[in-house]
Amino acid sequence: MTDSAAEETVGAREEAVGVSGGPQDPAEAGRTEAVDGSPSALWSGDTGTLHEASRRVLLELLKGPYVSGAQNPGLWAALVADQATIRSRLHDLFLDLVLDEYDEFAFTRKVETHDLQVPSALRAERLTFLDTAMLLVLRQFLLTAPGEERVIVGQDEVYEQLSVYRDGDESTFLRNLNGSWGRMVSRLRVLHSAGEDRFQISPMVRFLIDEDRVRELTAVYRRIAGGEDAAGSEDAGGEAAGSDAGGDGDGGVDDQADHGLGDGGDDTSDTSSDQGERA
């Protein structure tokens, strides 16, 4: 074989193999070209412009109830690093970003504006009477420990505070309490296990019900606890301000929560949608 023929054979072999030395799949070559063509592309045909970490944190914000730096430091770092872009993407969906850098959590809520009629991208969640009462108790525990990095409570402490609302047999009331406690842990995610039947209260509790609503609800619950007629307690129901709860102006726990007051302790069947679900 001549030298020129040998060079042609070697060249043909080099064209037939990929950079790894094996045969190159034409589809893989196209995918590589597409991804390499855009620094943010993650797959062939991907037209997204956000980097992977930013996409993941955006998705978690939309899923709700919130993103926590303590629970997921990787997502939190991605959010802080690309905050302006993520906020812009949320504005495309008529949502705002609420971010607390001190306690390291963030959630979405419906944009508040008088300039136009804003559609809701967040699904409402119905809370029971005891759900709302438990949120108020947890909020009070949090506020009575200013400056504390972690506020830890026991289930028995919370249940004792709520015992004034017992109406009927004890076993039914306890079942309803356990249902509300489960929703605080799994759905609203405002309680995190701290070991030995102790739980840390998330600072998110402060944002689930706004100050004006707290005053209204506290007055109603005091009347009920005092044995007064609670016929008007249904009017005290409302939306959580900033809750994995959101809606008409309120939260990225943010699903708005309609508080079903006056039922005296309903079970989980009263919940109309999973906390944090997004339409």
Protein backbone atom coordinates (compact mmCIF):
# COMPACT_ATOMS: atom_id res chain seq x y z
CA MET A 1 0.00 0.00 0.00
CA THR A 2 1.32 3.44 -0.89
CA ASP A 3 1.85 6.18 1.65
CA SER A 4 -1.02 8.28 0.19
CA ALA A 5 -3.42 5.34 0.31
CA ALA A 6 -2.51 4.63 3.94
CA GLU A 7 -3.17 8.28 4.88
CA GLU A 8 -6.60 8.15 3.21
CA THR A 9 -7.48 4.97 5.13
CA VAL A 10 -6.43 6.50 8.48
CA GLY A 11 -8.42 9.67 7.69
CA ALA A 12 -11.53 7.64 6.91
CA ARG A 13 -11.20 5.77 10.20
CA GLU A 14 -10.84 9.04 12.14
CA GLU A 15 -14.03 10.40 10.58
CA ALA A 16 -15.90 7.22 11.50
CA VAL A 17 -15.16 7.45 15.26
CA GLY A 18 -16.12 10.01 17.88
CA VAL A 19 -13.91 11.84 20.30
CA SER A 20 -14.16 8.93 22.73
CA GLY A 21 -12.79 6.52 20.16
CA GLY A 22 -16.10 4.68 19.53
CA PRO A 23 -18.58 5.04 16.67
CA GLN A 24 -20.50 8.35 16.95
CA ASP A 25 -24.28 8.16 17.01
CA PRO A 26 -25.71 10.75 14.56
CA ALA A 27 -28.51 11.57 17.04
CA GLU A 28 -25.98 12.10 19.82
CA ALA A 29 -23.95 14.34 17.56
CA GLY A 30 -27.02 16.48 16.87
CA ARG A 31 -27.85 16.67 20.55
CA THR A 32 -24.33 17.71 21.43
CA GLU A 33 -24.40 20.40 18.78
CA ALA A 34 -27.75 21.75 20.02
CA VAL A 35 -26.67 21.85 23.67
CA ASP A 36 -23.28 23.31 22.81
CA GLY A 37 -25.00 25.99 20.74
CA SER A 38 -26.53 27.56 23.88
CA PRO A 39 -24.82 27.75 27.26
CA SER A 40 -28.16 27.18 29.05
CA ALA A 41 -29.56 24.39 26.85
CA LEU A 42 -29.91 21.12 28.76
CA TRP A 43 -31.21 18.85 26.00
CA SER A 44 -31.65 18.80 22.25
CA GLY A 45 -34.19 21.43 21.24
CA ASP A 46 -34.10 23.16 24.64
CA THR A 47 -34.97 26.84 24.12
CA GLY A 48 -34.89 27.77 27.81
CA THR A 49 -32.53 30.49 28.91
CA LEU A 50 -32.18 29.73 32.63
CA HIS A 51 -29.35 27.61 33.93
CA GLU A 52 -30.28 24.26 35.48
CA ALA A 53 -30.06 25.37 39.12
CA SER A 54 -32.28 28.40 38.45
CA ARG A 55 -34.86 26.23 36.70
CA ARG A 56 -34.97 23.85 39.64
CA VAL A 57 -35.50 26.57 42.22
CA LEU A 58 -38.15 28.24 40.03
CA LEU A 59 -40.01 24.94 39.83
CA GLU A 60 -39.84 24.49 43.61
CA LEU A 61 -41.22 27.99 44.14
CA LEU A 62 -44.17 27.19 41.88
CA LYS A 63 -44.78 23.84 43.55
CA GLY A 64 -44.64 25.49 46.97
CA PRO A 65 -45.05 25.95 49.76
CA TYR A 66 -41.67 27.66 49.98
CA VAL A 67 -37.92 27.30 49.49
CA SER A 68 -35.85 27.14 52.67
CA GLY A 69 -32.14 27.77 52.97
CA ALA A 70 -31.99 25.59 56.07
CA GLN A 71 -33.79 22.70 54.39
CA ASN A 72 -32.20 23.01 50.94
CA PRO A 73 -29.06 25.16 50.90
CA GLY A 74 -28.31 24.30 47.25
CA LEU A 75 -31.62 25.65 45.98
CA TRP A 76 -31.34 28.67 48.26
CA ALA A 77 -27.91 29.55 46.89
CA ALA A 78 -29.25 29.27 43.32
CA LEU A 79 -32.17 31.57 44.18
CA VAL A 80 -30.00 34.25 45.77
CA ALA A 81 -27.52 34.12 42.88
CA ASP A 82 -30.18 34.50 40.18
CA GLN A 83 -32.86 36.35 42.13
CA ALA A 84 -33.54 39.09 39.57
CA THR A 85 -34.07 36.68 36.68
CA ILE A 86 -36.27 34.33 38.70
CA ARG A 87 -38.35 37.26 39.93
CA SER A 88 -38.80 38.36 36.30
CA ARG A 89 -39.97 34.88 35.29
CA LEU A 90 -42.50 34.89 38.12
CA HIS A 91 -43.78 38.29 37.00
CA ASP A 92 -44.51 36.68 33.62
CA LEU A 93 -47.01 34.53 35.56
CA PHE A 94 -48.44 37.47 37.58
CA LEU A 95 -46.60 36.23 40.67
CA ASP A 96 -44.29 38.06 43.03
CA LEU A 97 -41.33 36.70 44.96
CA VAL A 98 -41.21 37.19 48.72
CA LEU A 99 -37.72 36.53 50.05
CA ASP A 100 -36.49 36.76 53.63
CA GLU A 101 -32.69 36.75 53.58
CA TYR A 102 -32.37 36.69 57.36
CA ASP A 103 -34.44 33.55 57.99
CA GLU A 104 -33.58 32.21 54.53
CA PHE A 105 -36.91 31.32 53.01
CA ALA A 106 -38.83 32.46 49.95
CA PHE A 107 -42.26 31.90 48.47
CA THR A 108 -44.51 33.25 45.74
CA ARG A 109 -47.74 35.17 45.93
CA LYS A 110 -50.10 36.85 43.52
CA VAL A 111 -48.97 40.28 42.33
CA GLU A 112 -50.81 43.11 44.07
CA THR A 113 -51.67 45.92 41.67
CA HIS A 114 -54.53 48.28 40.91
CA ASP A 115 -53.41 48.78 37.32
CA LEU A 116 -55.15 45.71 35.89
CA GLN A 117 -57.20 42.64 36.70
CA VAL A 118 -54.65 40.00 37.63
CA PRO A 119 -55.47 36.30 37.13
CA SER A 120 -54.59 33.85 39.87
CA ALA A 121 -51.95 31.19 39.21
CA LEU A 122 -52.26 29.74 42.70
CA ARG A 123 -54.82 27.24 43.90
CA ALA A 124 -56.76 27.99 47.05
CA GLU A 125 -56.63 25.62 49.99
CA ARG A 126 -59.37 25.31 52.52
CA LEU A 127 -58.25 25.11 56.13
CA THR A 128 -60.38 23.76 58.96
CA PHE A 129 -61.25 25.56 62.16
CA LEU A 130 -58.52 23.71 64.05
CA ASP A 131 -55.98 24.26 61.24
CA THR A 132 -56.38 27.99 61.64
CA ALA A 133 -56.39 27.84 65.44
CA MET A 134 -53.20 25.76 65.37
CA LEU A 135 -51.51 28.27 63.04
CA LEU A 136 -52.39 31.07 65.47
CA VAL A 137 -50.96 29.10 68.40
CA LEU A 138 -47.73 28.32 66.53
CA ARG A 139 -47.46 31.96 65.49
CA GLN A 140 -47.82 33.03 69.11
CA PHE A 141 -45.10 30.60 70.23
CA LEU A 142 -42.84 32.10 67.57
CA LEU A 143 -43.53 35.70 68.49
CA THR A 144 -43.02 35.14 72.22
CA ALA A 145 -39.44 33.99 71.59
CA PRO A 146 -37.88 37.04 69.89
CA GLY A 147 -34.25 36.68 68.93
CA GLU A 148 -34.30 32.90 69.22
CA GLU A 149 -32.76 31.19 66.20
CA ARG A 150 -34.90 28.10 66.72
CA VAL A 151 -38.27 27.90 68.44
CA ILE A 152 -38.96 24.32 69.54
CA VAL A 153 -42.32 23.04 70.80
CA GLY A 154 -43.87 19.73 71.73
CA GLN A 155 -47.12 18.43 70.34
CA ASP A 156 -48.58 18.26 73.84
CA GLU A 157 -47.88 21.97 74.39
CA VAL A 158 -49.78 22.93 71.25
CA TYR A 159 -52.66 20.55 71.96
CA GLU A 160 -53.01 21.97 75.47
CA GLN A 161 -53.44 25.47 74.04
CA LEU A 162 -56.17 24.18 71.71
CA SER A 163 -58.08 22.19 74.33
CA VAL A 164 -60.42 25.13 74.94
CA TYR A 165 -62.00 24.44 71.54
CA ARG A 166 -63.02 20.88 72.34
CA ASP A 167 -66.66 20.35 71.48
CA GLY A 168 -67.85 16.77 71.74
CA ASP A 169 -66.11 13.56 72.67
CA GLU A 170 -62.40 13.55 73.34
CA SER A 171 -61.48 10.86 70.80
CA THR A 172 -63.01 12.83 67.90
CA PHE A 173 -61.30 16.02 69.03
CA LEU A 174 -57.95 14.24 69.28
CA ARG A 175 -58.41 12.78 65.78
CA ASN A 176 -59.06 16.25 64.43
CA LEU A 177 -56.05 17.65 66.27
CA ASN A 178 -53.85 14.93 64.78
CA GLY A 179 -55.20 15.74 61.31
CA SER A 180 -54.34 19.42 61.71
CA TRP A 181 -50.91 18.58 63.12
CA GLY A 182 -50.23 16.36 60.11
CA ARG A 183 -51.11 19.19 57.74
CA MET A 184 -48.77 21.56 59.60
CA VAL A 185 -45.93 19.05 59.13
CA SER A 186 -46.54 17.66 55.65
CA ARG A 187 -48.60 20.21 53.76
CA LEU A 188 -47.90 23.65 55.12
CA ARG A 189 -44.44 22.54 56.25
CA VAL A 190 -44.34 24.90 59.21
CA LEU A 191 -43.21 22.21 61.65
CA HIS A 192 -39.91 20.34 61.30
CA SER A 193 -38.87 17.43 63.47
CA ALA A 194 -36.24 18.34 66.07
CA GLY A 195 -36.07 14.89 67.68
CA GLU A 196 -37.68 13.35 70.76
CA ASP A 197 -41.21 14.41 69.80
CA ARG A 198 -40.08 18.03 69.52
CA PHE A 199 -40.65 20.25 66.49
CA GLN A 200 -39.14 23.47 65.23
CA ILE A 201 -41.59 26.16 64.13
CA SER A 202 -40.80 27.63 60.73
CA PRO A 203 -40.65 31.44 60.55
CA MET A 204 -43.00 31.06 57.56
CA VAL A 205 -45.83 30.95 60.10
CA ARG A 206 -45.60 34.73 60.36
CA PHE A 207 -46.56 35.11 56.71
CA LEU A 208 -49.45 32.66 56.50
CA ILE A 209 -51.88 35.09 58.12
CA ASP A 210 -51.44 38.85 57.92
CA GLU A 211 -51.65 41.13 60.96
CA ASP A 212 -55.16 42.44 60.33
CA ARG A 213 -56.45 38.92 59.85
CA VAL A 214 -54.72 37.76 63.01
CA ARG A 215 -56.57 40.40 65.02
CA GLU A 216 -59.91 39.41 63.52
CA LEU A 217 -59.37 35.70 64.01
CA THR A 218 -58.02 36.10 67.53
CA ALA A 219 -61.14 37.98 68.57
CA VAL A 220 -63.39 35.31 67.08
CA TYR A 221 -61.48 32.44 68.65
CA ARG A 222 -61.53 34.10 72.06
CA ARG A 223 -65.31 34.39 71.86
CA ILE A 224 -65.58 30.74 70.90
CA ALA A 225 -63.21 29.67 73.66
CA GLY A 226 -65.29 31.68 76.12
CA GLY A 227 -68.41 29.80 75.11
CA GLU A 228 -70.08 32.68 73.31
CA ASP A 229 -72.29 32.16 70.27
CA ALA A 230 -69.98 31.40 67.31
CA ALA A 231 -72.66 31.73 64.65
CA GLY A 232 -70.76 34.54 63.00
CA SER A 233 -67.45 32.74 63.02
CA GLU A 234 -67.78 31.74 59.36
CA ASP A 235 -67.25 35.40 58.52
CA ALA A 236 -63.84 35.16 60.12
CA GLY A 237 -62.66 32.73 57.50
CA GLY A 238 -60.36 34.13 54.89
CA GLU A 239 -57.18 33.82 52.94
CA ALA A 240 -53.72 33.18 54.19
CA ALA A 241 -51.46 36.06 53.35
CA GLY A 242 -48.50 34.52 51.66
CA SER A 243 -49.05 30.99 52.32
CA ASP A 244 -47.42 27.03 50.03
CA ALA A 245 -50.88 28.52 50.49
CA GLY A 246 -51.49 31.85 47.43
CA GLY A 247 -54.44 33.35 45.71
CA ASP A 248 -55.95 36.72 45.71
CA GLY A 249 -53.00 38.38 47.03
CA ASP A 250 -51.44 36.07 49.21
CA GLY A 251 -49.11 33.57 49.31
CA GLY A 252 -46.57 31.31 48.08
CA VAL A 253 -46.93 28.99 50.83
CA ASP A 254 -48.72 30.84 48.41
CA ASP A 255 -51.93 29.29 47.91
CA GLN A 256 -54.66 31.19 49.55
CA ALA A 257 -56.32 29.39 52.33
CA ASP A 258 -60.01 29.77 53.03
CA HIS A 259 -60.33 29.14 56.73
CA GLY A 260 -63.41 27.05 57.44
CA LEU A 261 -64.27 28.50 60.82
CA GLY A 262 -67.28 27.48 62.80
CA ASP A 263 -67.06 23.75 62.15
CA GLY A 264 -65.47 23.18 65.51
CA GLY A 265 -62.75 20.86 64.35
CA ASP A 266 -63.23 19.20 61.00
CA ASP A 267 -60.97 16.48 59.68
CA THR A 268 -58.91 16.40 56.52
CA SER A 269 -61.94 16.03 54.26
CA ASP A 270 -62.41 19.79 54.45
CA THR A 271 -59.20 20.51 52.60
CA SER A 272 -60.03 21.50 49.05
CA SER A 273 -56.57 21.23 47.53
CA ASP A 274 -53.06 20.21 48.45
CA GLN A 275 -51.00 22.99 49.91
CA GLY A 276 -48.62 24.42 47.42
CA GLU A 277 -50.31 23.05 44.33
CA ARG A 278 -50.25 25.44 41.44
CA ALA A 279 -52.78 25.77 38.67
